[in-house]
Amino acid sequence: MDYYNTPISRRREKIDCCIKQSLEKARAAGDIDFANLPAYVVETPREASHGDFASNVALLLSKEARQNPRALAKSIADHFDLAACDVASISIAGPGFINFHMAQGWQTSLLAEMLSYGEKYGTSDAGAGIKVQVEFVSANPTGELHMGNARGAAIGDSLASLLEMAGFDCAREYYINDAGNQIEKFGVSLEVLYLQALGQDIPFPEDGYHGADLPLLIKELVEEIGNEYQKLQPQLRQKKLIDYALKRKLNDIRMALADFGVVYDCWFSEQSLHDSGAIQNVIDELQNNGWLLKEEGALWMDCQRFGEEKPEVLVRGNGLPTYYAADIAYHKNKYMRGFATVIDVWGADHHGHVARMQGAMEALGYKREQLEVILMQFVRLIQNGELLKMSKRTGTYITLNELVEEVGRDAARFIFVMRSADSLIDFDLDLAKEQTLKNPVYYVQYAYARFCSIITSAAAIGLTLPTKPLISQQLQLLGHQSELALIRRLADFPDEVIMAALQREPHRIAAYVQEIAALFHNFYDKCRMLTSDHDLSLARLSLALVAATVIKNGLTALGVKAPSKM
């Protein structure tokens, strides 16, 4: 069982220690006989009536100890040091669950700890500075970013932020697909558009890039250089057109992502792998280690050795490496840069490539689990209750820029991370634009704006938040059910961040801040903030401050702003 330096985790660890001490006392007294302890848990029950913490230790130990689990639970409870853990009482439920009910005032002691973290509340050192890389979006620079790219950007960037909050040394990376067949096809498409713009009547290739942005780009080029490239040989002309277009397209992608709140630590060029010899080096390494097969003049990766149905081509019969070869070299480069774990965010249509890549990493001497792939399902766009059909091939898709312009960055990013990556998303354009509490991001942001309004009102009557945390006697004035429920859930924030980071689930934080917003709105409605009791007002303002800090830090991790006014 893992414990971290967080308010709730420290209490769980203390209860766990007391359970182990209780078991040792029971064994010494001859009440229990066991050799090995099973991997039990101490957790927070779903139902408040089941206590503040609960453990399944008696259930899991019963076979080893050859005792009825309820009898085992009673022995543990009888030898348990309540005072050492601030536990008021223990109850046994169902087939043998042990429920721990904490002593009165334990919630306010949690609040005091939360206040001591200040604006950094939610951060931890759970990751111990381990180097992790998250690569996401990495769209071909041959078109504009679309809704799927937008979802990948929101998921990847949010995950990276949560990893940083949890104490990992995390880097964001974009892999530029600037080599291979797609770039050759891109060059042919640009050449035809260029010559057409100069008046030549030539057909556009059926498998070319049909994006509406490319003719506009070529139009600007013609206005700049005229027919200067017309006299060049096709190969050189295509190279110049590719260089010009890639520079423009990558700049557009950078700007679109920056407007979406995404800034990368590294933009890595696929072409650099060819230029440096990294691809050939990894092919030679795999061949020398017996992983390659030669058939029909091509080199194939023996993927069947790690469970795949058939081999995969690494080098074609014409001597050119495949995308698979470049991908292997690229991922080896990541590990050579010192990343212990690399996380890729891919579209669900790449699911067949996952095992091949993990197997290739194993062939190079790395562990399969060092490469994690988050497969992201598609986005369906809804407007006026109807599904909008989008076709990237014909250029009739909604771009990232258009989405941000239509609904705003905050709504888009929040909605994209509200569901797990492996779930389809129905993106409701109308709901995303609503400035009402029906809109989930508006609902959360409104809770933060409410806090800011309270602070303004308090200042108007000369009441300001204390520069030092309140003493326990002041915090213990908080006893309303809405106050205690809010405190208890706020205490989970660092652990929620850690779990979201470790399980690669940013949607946990989206759900969590919505829950905190609901608890805060309920607290606001049930408890008057500014009262004639000075200490009670300060205690409630302090609680509101922690709630606001959690909402702001949670939204910030998701790339969403916390506005002071709505």
Protein backbone atom coordinates (compact mmCIF):
# COMPACT_ATOMS: atom_id res chain seq x y z
CA MET A 1 0.00 0.00 0.00
CA ASP A 2 1.41 3.36 -1.07
CA TYR A 3 1.22 6.38 1.22
CA TYR A 4 2.14 9.94 0.41
CA ASN A 5 2.79 13.08 2.37
CA THR A 6 -0.78 14.35 2.18
CA PRO A 7 -3.32 15.05 4.96
CA ILE A 8 -5.51 12.02 4.22
CA SER A 9 -2.68 9.66 3.29
CA ARG A 10 -0.88 10.40 6.56
CA ARG A 11 -4.00 9.43 8.52
CA ARG A 12 -4.49 6.29 6.47
CA GLU A 13 -0.88 5.34 7.13
CA LYS A 14 -1.30 5.94 10.84
CA ILE A 15 -4.37 3.70 10.96
CA ASP A 16 -2.51 1.07 8.94
CA CYS A 17 0.36 1.13 11.46
CA CYS A 18 -2.11 0.74 14.31
CA ILE A 19 -3.76 -2.21 12.53
CA LYS A 20 -0.38 -3.95 12.24
CA GLN A 21 0.39 -3.23 15.91
CA SER A 22 -3.03 -4.56 16.88
CA LEU A 23 -2.42 -7.75 14.91
CA GLU A 24 0.94 -8.25 16.62
CA LYS A 25 -0.68 -7.76 20.04
CA ALA A 26 -3.44 -10.20 19.14
CA ARG A 27 -0.91 -12.76 17.92
CA ALA A 28 1.18 -12.36 21.10
CA ALA A 29 -1.97 -12.89 23.16
CA GLY A 30 -2.75 -16.06 21.21
CA ASP A 31 -5.96 -14.64 19.73
CA ILE A 32 -4.74 -14.81 16.12
CA ASP A 33 -2.26 -17.09 14.39
CA PHE A 34 -0.84 -16.07 10.98
CA ALA A 35 2.50 -16.09 9.15
CA ASN A 36 1.97 -13.56 6.36
CA LEU A 37 -0.23 -10.50 6.02
CA PRO A 38 -2.23 -10.17 2.78
CA ALA A 39 -2.25 -6.96 0.70
CA TYR A 40 -5.21 -5.30 2.37
CA VAL A 41 -6.28 -1.66 2.05
CA VAL A 42 -7.26 1.23 4.28
CA GLU A 43 -9.64 3.41 2.31
CA THR A 44 -12.42 5.96 2.52
CA PRO A 45 -15.84 4.28 2.46
CA ARG A 46 -18.36 5.43 -0.12
CA GLU A 47 -21.04 5.75 2.53
CA ALA A 48 -20.40 8.22 5.36
CA SER A 49 -22.35 5.93 7.72
CA HIS A 50 -19.60 3.34 7.28
CA GLY A 51 -17.08 5.54 9.08
CA ASP A 52 -14.28 7.83 8.01
CA PHE A 53 -11.92 5.00 7.04
CA ALA A 54 -12.40 1.29 6.51
CA SER A 55 -10.23 -1.79 6.00
CA ASN A 56 -10.74 -5.25 4.52
CA VAL A 57 -7.81 -6.75 6.47
CA ALA A 58 -9.95 -9.22 8.41
CA LEU A 59 -11.65 -10.50 5.26
CA LEU A 60 -8.36 -11.15 3.50
CA LEU A 61 -6.56 -12.57 6.55
CA SER A 62 -9.30 -15.03 7.50
CA LYS A 63 -8.02 -17.84 5.25
CA GLU A 64 -4.43 -17.52 6.50
CA ALA A 65 -5.55 -17.26 10.15
CA ARG A 66 -8.28 -19.90 9.74
CA GLN A 67 -10.79 -17.75 11.54
CA ASN A 68 -14.16 -16.23 10.80
CA PRO A 69 -13.50 -12.70 9.43
CA ARG A 70 -15.90 -11.03 11.87
CA ALA A 71 -14.15 -12.74 14.79
CA LEU A 72 -10.83 -11.61 13.37
CA ALA A 73 -12.14 -8.06 13.03
CA LYS A 74 -13.22 -8.10 16.67
CA SER A 75 -9.76 -9.23 17.79
CA ILE A 76 -8.16 -6.40 15.81
CA ALA A 77 -10.61 -3.89 17.28
CA ASP A 78 -10.04 -5.16 20.83
CA HIS A 79 -6.28 -4.59 20.57
CA PHE A 80 -6.47 -1.34 18.58
CA ASP A 81 -4.95 1.81 20.13
CA LEU A 82 -7.71 4.35 19.44
CA ALA A 83 -5.94 7.38 20.91
CA ALA A 84 -2.81 6.86 18.80
CA CYS A 85 -4.84 7.37 15.62
CA ASP A 86 -7.42 9.92 16.79
CA VAL A 87 -10.07 7.23 16.35
CA ALA A 88 -13.17 7.57 18.49
CA SER A 89 -14.67 4.16 17.81
CA ILE A 90 -14.53 1.08 15.62
CA SER A 91 -17.46 -0.82 14.15
CA ILE A 92 -17.59 -4.10 12.27
CA ALA A 93 -19.83 -4.29 9.23
CA GLY A 94 -21.06 -6.97 6.85
CA PRO A 95 -18.85 -10.04 6.53
CA GLY A 96 -15.95 -8.43 8.42
CA PHE A 97 -15.16 -4.90 7.25
CA ILE A 98 -13.58 -2.76 9.98
CA ASN A 99 -14.89 0.82 10.03
CA PHE A 100 -12.97 3.56 11.82
CA HIS A 101 -14.84 6.60 13.14
CA MET A 102 -12.51 9.51 13.78
CA ALA A 103 -12.58 11.65 16.90
CA GLN A 104 -14.58 14.86 16.94
CA GLY A 105 -12.75 17.81 15.44
CA TRP A 106 -10.62 15.78 13.06
CA GLN A 107 -12.05 17.63 10.05
CA THR A 108 -10.95 20.99 11.40
CA SER A 109 -7.45 19.63 11.98
CA LEU A 110 -7.49 18.72 8.29
CA LEU A 111 -8.50 22.27 7.43
CA ALA A 112 -5.60 23.68 9.47
CA GLU A 113 -3.18 21.50 7.49
CA MET A 114 -4.71 22.54 4.18
CA LEU A 115 -4.39 26.21 5.08
CA SER A 116 -0.72 25.73 5.89
CA TYR A 117 0.03 24.81 2.23
CA GLY A 118 -1.28 28.15 0.97
CA GLU A 119 -1.52 28.51 -2.80
CA LYS A 120 0.52 25.32 -3.32
CA TYR A 121 -2.17 23.11 -1.84
CA GLY A 122 -2.63 20.06 -4.04
CA THR A 123 1.04 19.63 -4.92
CA SER A 124 3.12 16.76 -3.55
CA ASP A 125 6.43 14.96 -3.93
CA ALA A 126 4.87 11.60 -4.83
CA GLY A 127 6.71 11.49 -8.16
CA ALA A 128 10.10 12.01 -6.49
CA GLY A 129 11.39 13.94 -9.52
CA ILE A 130 11.22 10.94 -11.87
CA LYS A 131 11.57 12.05 -15.51
CA VAL A 132 8.45 11.45 -17.59
CA GLN A 133 7.65 12.60 -21.11
CA VAL A 134 4.19 13.13 -22.57
CA GLU A 135 4.00 13.26 -26.37
CA PHE A 136 0.66 14.38 -27.76
CA VAL A 137 -1.07 15.82 -30.82
CA SER A 138 1.96 15.30 -33.16
CA ALA A 139 -0.36 15.85 -36.14
CA ASN A 140 1.05 15.79 -39.64
CA PRO A 141 1.94 19.38 -40.58
CA THR A 142 0.00 19.01 -43.84
CA GLY A 143 -3.28 20.47 -42.66
CA GLU A 144 -4.98 22.29 -39.82
CA LEU A 145 -5.59 20.95 -36.33
CA HIS A 146 -9.09 19.54 -35.87
CA MET A 147 -11.40 18.43 -33.04
CA GLY A 148 -9.54 15.16 -32.47
CA ASN A 149 -6.26 17.03 -32.17
CA ALA A 150 -7.95 19.44 -29.76
CA ARG A 151 -9.01 16.58 -27.49
CA GLY A 152 -5.51 15.11 -27.60
CA ALA A 153 -4.06 18.52 -26.72
CA ALA A 154 -6.39 18.92 -23.74
CA ILE A 155 -5.72 15.41 -22.43
CA GLY A 156 -1.94 15.47 -22.95
CA ASP A 157 -1.38 18.94 -21.55
CA SER A 158 -3.63 18.33 -18.53
CA LEU A 159 -1.90 15.04 -17.77
CA ALA A 160 1.51 16.73 -17.95
CA SER A 161 0.35 19.44 -15.53
CA LEU A 162 -0.98 16.85 -13.08
CA LEU A 163 2.27 14.88 -13.26
CA GLU A 164 4.12 18.08 -12.40
CA MET A 165 1.77 18.78 -9.49
CA ALA A 166 2.39 15.24 -8.25
CA GLY A 167 6.16 15.78 -8.18
CA PHE A 168 7.28 14.28 -11.49
CA ASP A 169 9.79 15.99 -13.78
CA CYS A 170 7.56 16.09 -16.84
CA ALA A 171 8.28 17.28 -20.38
CA ARG A 172 5.78 17.92 -23.19
CA GLU A 173 6.81 16.95 -26.71
CA TYR A 174 5.47 17.30 -30.25
CA TYR A 175 6.78 14.89 -32.89
CA ILE A 176 6.97 16.62 -36.27
CA ASN A 177 6.17 14.19 -39.08
CA ASP A 178 8.35 15.97 -41.64
CA ALA A 179 9.67 12.93 -43.52
CA GLY A 180 8.35 9.93 -45.41
CA ASN A 181 5.50 9.27 -47.83
CA GLN A 182 3.12 11.86 -46.44
CA ILE A 183 5.67 14.63 -47.04
CA GLU A 184 6.33 13.40 -50.58
CA LYS A 185 2.58 13.43 -51.24
CA PHE A 186 2.41 16.86 -49.62
CA GLY A 187 5.08 18.12 -52.03
CA VAL A 188 3.19 16.83 -55.09
CA SER A 189 -0.04 18.45 -53.83
CA LEU A 190 1.71 21.79 -53.30
CA GLU A 191 3.36 21.63 -56.71
CA VAL A 192 0.06 21.06 -58.51
CA LEU A 193 -1.60 23.88 -56.56
CA TYR A 194 1.31 26.18 -57.36
CA LEU A 195 1.25 25.43 -61.07
CA GLN A 196 -2.54 25.71 -61.16
CA ALA A 197 -2.26 29.13 -59.50
CA LEU A 198 0.06 30.13 -62.37
CA GLY A 199 -2.60 29.14 -64.89
CA GLN A 200 -1.58 25.61 -65.81
CA ASP A 201 -4.46 23.22 -66.44
CA ILE A 202 -3.30 20.09 -64.62
CA PRO A 203 -5.39 17.69 -62.52
CA PHE A 204 -5.05 17.54 -58.77
CA PRO A 205 -3.91 14.10 -57.52
CA GLU A 206 -6.77 12.03 -56.19
CA ASP A 207 -4.77 11.03 -53.08
CA GLY A 208 -3.44 14.56 -52.54
CA TYR A 209 -4.17 16.84 -49.59
CA HIS A 210 -7.50 18.58 -50.10
CA GLY A 211 -7.42 20.96 -47.14
CA ALA A 212 -8.93 24.37 -47.85
CA ASP A 213 -5.93 26.02 -46.20
CA LEU A 214 -3.38 24.89 -48.81
CA PRO A 215 -4.72 26.90 -51.79
CA LEU A 216 -4.69 30.00 -49.59
CA LEU A 217 -1.11 29.31 -48.58
CA ILE A 218 -0.04 28.86 -52.23
CA LYS A 219 -1.90 32.04 -53.20
CA GLU A 220 0.17 33.97 -50.67
CA LEU A 221 3.36 32.36 -51.97
CA VAL A 222 2.53 33.31 -55.57
CA GLU A 223 1.87 36.87 -54.48
CA GLU A 224 5.30 36.84 -52.85
CA ILE A 225 7.49 35.14 -55.50
CA GLY A 226 5.35 34.90 -58.63
CA ASN A 227 6.55 32.22 -61.09
CA GLU A 228 10.06 31.99 -59.61
CA TYR A 229 9.69 28.25 -58.86
CA GLN A 230 8.08 27.42 -62.23
CA LYS A 231 11.42 27.16 -64.03
CA LEU A 232 12.90 24.76 -61.45
CA GLN A 233 13.14 21.00 -61.85
CA PRO A 234 10.15 19.23 -60.21
CA GLN A 235 12.22 17.68 -57.40
CA LEU A 236 13.81 20.99 -56.40
CA ARG A 237 10.52 22.84 -56.84
CA GLN A 238 8.74 20.40 -54.54
CA LYS A 239 11.52 20.71 -51.95
CA LYS A 240 11.24 24.50 -51.89
CA LEU A 241 7.46 24.32 -51.69
CA ILE A 242 7.66 21.79 -48.84
CA ASP A 243 10.18 23.90 -46.90
CA TYR A 244 8.01 27.00 -47.28
CA ALA A 245 4.76 25.21 -46.41
CA LEU A 246 6.18 23.29 -43.44
CA LYS A 247 7.55 26.47 -41.89
CA ARG A 248 4.19 28.19 -42.29
CA LYS A 249 2.13 25.19 -41.17
CA LEU A 250 4.25 24.51 -38.10
CA ASN A 251 4.03 28.14 -37.09
CA ASP A 252 0.25 27.99 -37.48
CA ILE A 253 0.14 24.82 -35.37
CA ARG A 254 2.30 26.41 -32.65
CA MET A 255 0.07 29.47 -32.52
CA ALA A 256 -3.16 27.45 -32.50
CA LEU A 257 -1.91 25.29 -29.63
CA ALA A 258 -0.57 28.30 -27.72
CA ASP A 259 -4.01 29.94 -28.00
CA PHE A 260 -5.37 26.67 -26.59
CA GLY A 261 -2.98 26.98 -23.64
CA VAL A 262 -0.49 24.34 -24.80
CA VAL A 263 3.24 25.10 -24.88
CA TYR A 264 5.73 22.34 -25.62
CA ASP A 265 9.18 21.81 -24.15
CA CYS A 266 10.40 20.15 -27.33
CA TRP A 267 9.46 19.99 -31.02
CA PHE A 268 11.22 16.89 -32.34
CA SER A 269 11.79 16.46 -36.09
CA GLU A 270 11.38 13.04 -37.68
CA GLN A 271 13.76 14.16 -40.43
CA SER A 272 16.50 14.60 -37.80
CA LEU A 273 16.38 10.83 -37.19
CA HIS A 274 17.19 10.23 -40.86
CA ASP A 275 19.88 12.91 -40.95
CA SER A 276 21.65 11.71 -37.79
CA GLY A 277 21.66 8.05 -38.79
CA ALA A 278 19.55 7.11 -35.75
CA ILE A 279 17.14 5.04 -37.84
CA GLN A 280 19.90 3.04 -39.51
CA ASN A 281 21.59 2.56 -36.14
CA VAL A 282 18.49 1.05 -34.56
CA ILE A 283 17.95 -1.19 -37.60
CA ASP A 284 21.55 -2.42 -37.30
CA GLU A 285 21.08 -3.03 -33.56
CA LEU A 286 17.93 -5.08 -34.09
CA GLN A 287 19.53 -7.03 -36.92
CA ASN A 288 22.68 -7.78 -34.90
CA ASN A 289 20.50 -9.03 -32.04
CA GLY A 290 18.57 -11.39 -34.31
CA TRP A 291 15.22 -9.56 -34.39
CA LEU A 292 14.99 -9.04 -38.16
CA LEU A 293 13.90 -11.36 -40.96
CA LYS A 294 14.80 -10.91 -44.62
CA GLU A 295 12.09 -11.73 -47.11
CA GLU A 296 11.36 -10.48 -50.65
CA GLY A 297 14.33 -8.14 -50.45
CA ALA A 298 12.91 -6.34 -47.37
CA LEU A 299 13.80 -6.43 -43.67
CA TRP A 300 10.97 -7.39 -41.33
CA MET A 301 10.67 -7.09 -37.55
CA ASP A 302 9.96 -10.52 -36.07
CA CYS A 303 6.91 -9.30 -34.15
CA GLN A 304 5.64 -12.85 -33.63
CA ARG A 305 8.32 -13.21 -30.95
CA PHE A 306 6.37 -10.78 -28.77
CA GLY A 307 2.90 -12.10 -29.55
CA GLU A 308 1.89 -10.37 -32.79
CA GLU A 309 0.29 -12.29 -35.64
CA LYS A 310 2.81 -11.41 -38.33
CA PRO A 311 6.14 -9.62 -38.93
CA GLU A 312 6.23 -5.90 -39.80
CA VAL A 313 8.33 -4.28 -42.50
CA LEU A 314 11.17 -2.10 -41.20
CA VAL A 315 13.04 -1.58 -44.48
CA ARG A 316 11.27 -1.84 -47.82
CA GLY A 317 12.70 -3.69 -50.80
CA ASN A 318 13.85 -0.34 -52.22
CA GLY A 319 16.01 0.22 -49.14
CA LEU A 320 13.83 2.93 -47.59
CA PRO A 321 12.89 2.57 -43.90
CA THR A 322 9.22 2.51 -42.93
CA TYR A 323 7.41 4.73 -40.44
CA TYR A 324 7.67 1.84 -37.96
CA ALA A 325 11.47 1.98 -38.15
CA ALA A 326 11.45 5.74 -37.57
CA ASP A 327 9.06 5.33 -34.65
CA ILE A 328 11.34 2.76 -33.00
CA ALA A 329 14.36 5.02 -33.40
CA TYR A 330 12.38 7.98 -32.06
CA HIS A 331 11.29 6.15 -28.91
CA LYS A 332 14.79 4.85 -28.27
CA ASN A 333 15.93 8.47 -28.48
CA LYS A 334 13.44 9.36 -25.73
CA TYR A 335 14.97 6.84 -23.34
CA MET A 336 18.46 7.97 -24.28
CA ARG A 337 17.43 11.45 -23.13
CA GLY A 338 16.80 10.05 -19.66
CA PHE A 339 13.04 9.60 -19.52
CA ALA A 340 12.08 6.70 -17.25
CA THR A 341 8.58 6.55 -18.72
CA VAL A 342 7.22 7.91 -21.97
CA ILE A 343 3.50 8.41 -22.49
CA ASP A 344 2.02 8.77 -25.97
CA VAL A 345 -1.50 10.05 -26.61
CA TRP A 346 -2.76 8.45 -29.84
CA GLY A 347 -6.05 8.21 -31.66
CA ALA A 348 -7.96 4.98 -31.14
CA ASP A 349 -7.33 4.06 -34.79
CA HIS A 350 -3.67 3.42 -33.84
CA HIS A 351 -4.53 0.63 -31.38
CA GLY A 352 -2.86 -2.01 -33.56
CA HIS A 353 0.47 -0.18 -33.32
CA VAL A 354 0.68 -0.25 -29.51
CA ALA A 355 1.83 -3.84 -28.95
CA ARG A 356 4.27 -3.60 -31.88
CA MET A 357 5.92 -0.55 -30.37
CA GLN A 358 6.04 -1.96 -26.84
CA GLY A 359 7.51 -5.18 -28.24
CA ALA A 360 10.15 -3.22 -30.15
CA MET A 361 11.13 -1.42 -26.95
CA GLU A 362 11.51 -4.80 -25.25
CA ALA A 363 13.70 -5.95 -28.16
CA LEU A 364 15.95 -2.94 -27.51
CA GLY A 365 16.36 -3.89 -23.84
CA TYR A 366 13.73 -1.65 -22.26
CA LYS A 367 10.68 -2.72 -20.29
CA ARG A 368 7.34 -2.76 -22.09
CA GLU A 369 5.74 -0.76 -19.32
CA GLN A 370 8.20 2.10 -19.90
CA LEU A 371 6.12 2.95 -22.96
CA GLU A 372 2.52 3.80 -22.14
CA VAL A 373 -0.03 4.64 -24.78
CA ILE A 374 -3.30 6.43 -24.07
CA LEU A 375 -5.75 5.58 -26.84
CA MET A 376 -8.17 8.41 -27.38
CA GLN A 377 -11.64 7.91 -28.83
CA PHE A 378 -13.19 10.22 -31.36
CA VAL A 379 -15.22 13.38 -30.88
CA ARG A 380 -18.73 13.81 -32.25
CA LEU A 381 -19.89 17.36 -32.67
CA ILE A 382 -23.50 18.17 -31.77
CA GLN A 383 -25.36 21.35 -32.71
CA ASN A 384 -29.08 22.02 -32.34
CA GLY A 385 -29.42 18.47 -31.11
CA GLU A 386 -28.06 17.00 -34.35
CA LEU A 387 -24.78 15.31 -35.22
CA LEU A 388 -22.52 17.38 -37.48
CA LYS A 389 -20.72 15.29 -40.05
CA MET A 390 -17.08 16.17 -40.58
CA SER A 391 -14.72 14.99 -43.29
CA LYS A 392 -11.05 15.85 -43.01
CA ARG A 393 -10.45 14.64 -46.57
CA THR A 394 -12.74 17.23 -48.14
CA GLY A 395 -11.69 19.96 -45.75
CA THR A 396 -15.12 20.25 -44.11
CA TYR A 397 -13.95 19.74 -40.56
CA ILE A 398 -14.00 22.25 -37.70
CA THR A 399 -10.49 23.42 -36.88
CA LEU A 400 -9.05 24.03 -33.43
CA ASN A 401 -8.97 27.76 -34.15
CA GLU A 402 -12.64 27.74 -35.15
CA LEU A 403 -13.57 25.78 -32.03
CA VAL A 404 -11.80 28.21 -29.70
CA GLU A 405 -13.37 31.15 -31.50
CA GLU A 406 -16.80 29.53 -31.28
CA VAL A 407 -16.93 28.34 -27.65
CA GLY A 408 -13.78 29.67 -25.98
CA ARG A 409 -10.71 27.87 -24.70
CA ASP A 410 -12.02 27.19 -21.19
CA ALA A 411 -15.21 25.43 -22.25
CA ALA A 412 -13.44 23.42 -24.94
CA ARG A 413 -10.63 22.20 -22.69
CA PHE A 414 -12.92 21.33 -19.79
CA ILE A 415 -15.39 19.40 -21.93
CA PHE A 416 -12.58 17.45 -23.61
CA VAL A 417 -11.27 16.17 -20.26
CA MET A 418 -14.64 15.48 -18.64
CA ARG A 419 -14.63 11.91 -19.93
CA SER A 420 -11.92 9.27 -19.90
CA ALA A 421 -9.80 9.15 -23.04
CA ASP A 422 -11.27 5.81 -24.07
CA SER A 423 -14.83 7.22 -24.11
CA LEU A 424 -16.52 8.81 -27.09
CA ILE A 425 -17.36 12.47 -26.55
CA ASP A 426 -20.46 14.21 -27.82
CA PHE A 427 -19.31 17.81 -27.88
CA ASP A 428 -22.45 19.96 -27.60
CA LEU A 429 -21.60 23.33 -29.14
CA ASP A 430 -24.74 24.97 -27.79
CA LEU A 431 -24.12 23.82 -24.19
CA ALA A 432 -20.45 24.85 -24.40
CA LYS A 433 -21.51 28.42 -25.24
CA GLU A 434 -24.15 28.69 -22.51
CA GLN A 435 -23.39 31.16 -19.74
CA THR A 436 -25.52 29.28 -17.22
CA LEU A 437 -25.00 26.74 -14.46
CA LYS A 438 -25.97 24.00 -16.94
CA ASN A 439 -22.57 24.49 -18.51
CA PRO A 440 -20.15 22.41 -16.36
CA VAL A 441 -17.16 24.73 -16.70
CA TYR A 442 -19.31 27.80 -15.99
CA TYR A 443 -20.68 26.03 -12.90
CA VAL A 444 -17.16 25.49 -11.52
CA GLN A 445 -15.87 28.91 -12.49
CA TYR A 446 -18.93 30.53 -10.88
CA ALA A 447 -17.99 28.93 -7.55
CA TYR A 448 -14.57 30.61 -7.71
CA ALA A 449 -16.12 33.94 -8.73
CA ARG A 450 -18.48 33.64 -5.75
CA PHE A 451 -15.51 33.36 -3.43
CA CYS A 452 -13.94 36.48 -4.95
CA SER A 453 -17.22 38.32 -4.44
CA ILE A 454 -17.30 37.23 -0.80
CA ILE A 455 -13.77 38.54 -0.25
CA THR A 456 -14.74 41.87 -1.78
CA SER A 457 -17.81 42.12 0.46
CA ALA A 458 -15.76 41.19 3.54
CA ALA A 459 -13.16 43.85 2.75
CA ALA A 460 -15.91 46.44 2.46
CA ILE A 461 -16.78 45.89 6.12
CA GLY A 462 -13.15 45.74 7.24
CA LEU A 463 -12.90 41.94 7.42
CA THR A 464 -9.88 40.41 5.71
CA LEU A 465 -8.40 36.95 5.64
CA PRO A 466 -5.81 36.45 8.41
CA THR A 467 -2.17 36.39 7.37
CA LYS A 468 -1.61 33.43 9.70
CA PRO A 469 -3.73 30.26 9.88
CA LEU A 470 -6.45 30.36 12.50
CA ILE A 471 -5.98 28.54 15.79
CA SER A 472 -7.87 25.29 16.35
CA GLN A 473 -10.44 26.91 18.67
CA GLN A 474 -11.52 29.23 15.86
CA LEU A 475 -11.67 26.48 13.24
CA GLN A 476 -13.66 24.26 15.59
CA LEU A 477 -16.52 26.74 15.29
CA LEU A 478 -17.18 25.05 11.97
CA GLY A 479 -19.68 22.31 12.69
CA HIS A 480 -22.49 22.58 10.16
CA GLN A 481 -22.88 19.48 8.01
CA SER A 482 -22.24 21.46 4.82
CA GLU A 483 -19.00 22.79 6.31
CA LEU A 484 -17.74 19.39 7.44
CA ALA A 485 -18.65 17.73 4.13
CA LEU A 486 -16.74 20.40 2.21
CA ILE A 487 -13.69 20.13 4.49
CA ARG A 488 -13.58 16.36 4.17
CA ARG A 489 -13.69 16.39 0.37
CA LEU A 490 -11.19 19.25 0.09
CA ALA A 491 -8.74 17.12 2.07
CA ASP A 492 -8.71 14.60 -0.79
CA PHE A 493 -7.32 17.07 -3.34
CA PRO A 494 -3.60 16.11 -3.19
CA ASP A 495 -4.52 12.43 -3.34
CA GLU A 496 -6.90 13.04 -6.25
CA VAL A 497 -4.08 14.78 -8.12
CA ILE A 498 -1.69 11.91 -7.40
CA MET A 499 -4.21 9.28 -8.54
CA ALA A 500 -5.08 11.26 -11.67
CA ALA A 501 -1.37 11.48 -12.49
CA LEU A 502 -0.51 7.85 -11.71
CA GLN A 503 -3.57 6.43 -13.46
CA ARG A 504 -3.26 8.89 -16.37
CA GLU A 505 -6.81 10.13 -15.82
CA PRO A 506 -7.23 13.91 -16.03
CA HIS A 507 -11.00 13.41 -16.09
CA ARG A 508 -10.81 12.59 -12.37
CA ILE A 509 -9.93 16.22 -11.66
CA ALA A 510 -12.71 17.53 -13.91
CA ALA A 511 -15.19 15.44 -11.93
CA TYR A 512 -13.58 16.39 -8.62
CA VAL A 513 -13.71 20.17 -9.12
CA GLN A 514 -17.37 19.87 -10.14
CA GLU A 515 -18.03 18.06 -6.88
CA ILE A 516 -16.14 20.70 -4.89
CA ALA A 517 -18.10 23.44 -6.66
CA ALA A 518 -21.38 21.74 -5.70
CA LEU A 519 -20.27 21.39 -2.07
CA PHE A 520 -19.13 25.01 -2.02
CA HIS A 521 -22.43 26.28 -3.46
CA ASN A 522 -24.27 24.25 -0.81
CA PHE A 523 -22.02 25.64 1.95
CA TYR A 524 -22.61 29.17 0.62
CA ASP A 525 -26.38 28.67 0.62
CA LYS A 526 -26.55 27.05 4.09
CA CYS A 527 -24.01 29.09 6.05
CA ARG A 528 -23.87 32.84 6.21
CA MET A 529 -20.30 33.96 5.60
CA LEU A 530 -20.26 37.39 7.19
CA THR A 531 -21.80 37.19 10.63
CA SER A 532 -21.67 39.19 13.86
CA ASP A 533 -19.33 36.50 15.24
CA HIS A 534 -15.88 37.66 14.10
CA ASP A 535 -14.13 34.31 14.67
CA LEU A 536 -16.87 32.31 12.94
CA SER A 537 -16.70 34.65 9.93
CA LEU A 538 -12.93 34.21 9.73
CA ALA A 539 -13.27 30.43 10.01
CA ARG A 540 -15.80 30.33 7.18
CA LEU A 541 -13.71 32.67 5.05
CA SER A 542 -10.72 30.39 5.64
CA LEU A 543 -12.74 27.38 4.52
CA ALA A 544 -13.90 29.31 1.46
CA LEU A 545 -10.27 30.19 0.73
CA VAL A 546 -9.23 26.53 0.63
CA ALA A 547 -12.18 25.68 -1.60
CA ALA A 548 -11.23 28.53 -3.95
CA THR A 549 -7.59 27.40 -3.96
CA VAL A 550 -8.62 23.85 -4.86
CA ILE A 551 -10.92 25.03 -7.65
CA LYS A 552 -8.30 27.39 -9.06
CA ASN A 553 -5.47 24.86 -8.90
CA GLY A 554 -7.67 22.11 -10.30
CA LEU A 555 -8.85 24.28 -13.19
CA THR A 556 -5.32 25.52 -13.85
CA ALA A 557 -4.09 21.92 -14.15
CA LEU A 558 -6.76 21.40 -16.80
CA GLY A 559 -5.72 24.54 -18.64
CA VAL A 560 -8.85 26.44 -17.61
CA LYS A 561 -8.93 29.91 -16.08
CA ALA A 562 -10.50 30.78 -12.72
CA PRO A 563 -12.07 34.21 -13.33
CA SER A 564 -12.79 36.55 -10.43
CA LYS A 565 -15.97 37.78 -12.10
CA MET A 566 -18.56 36.04 -14.25
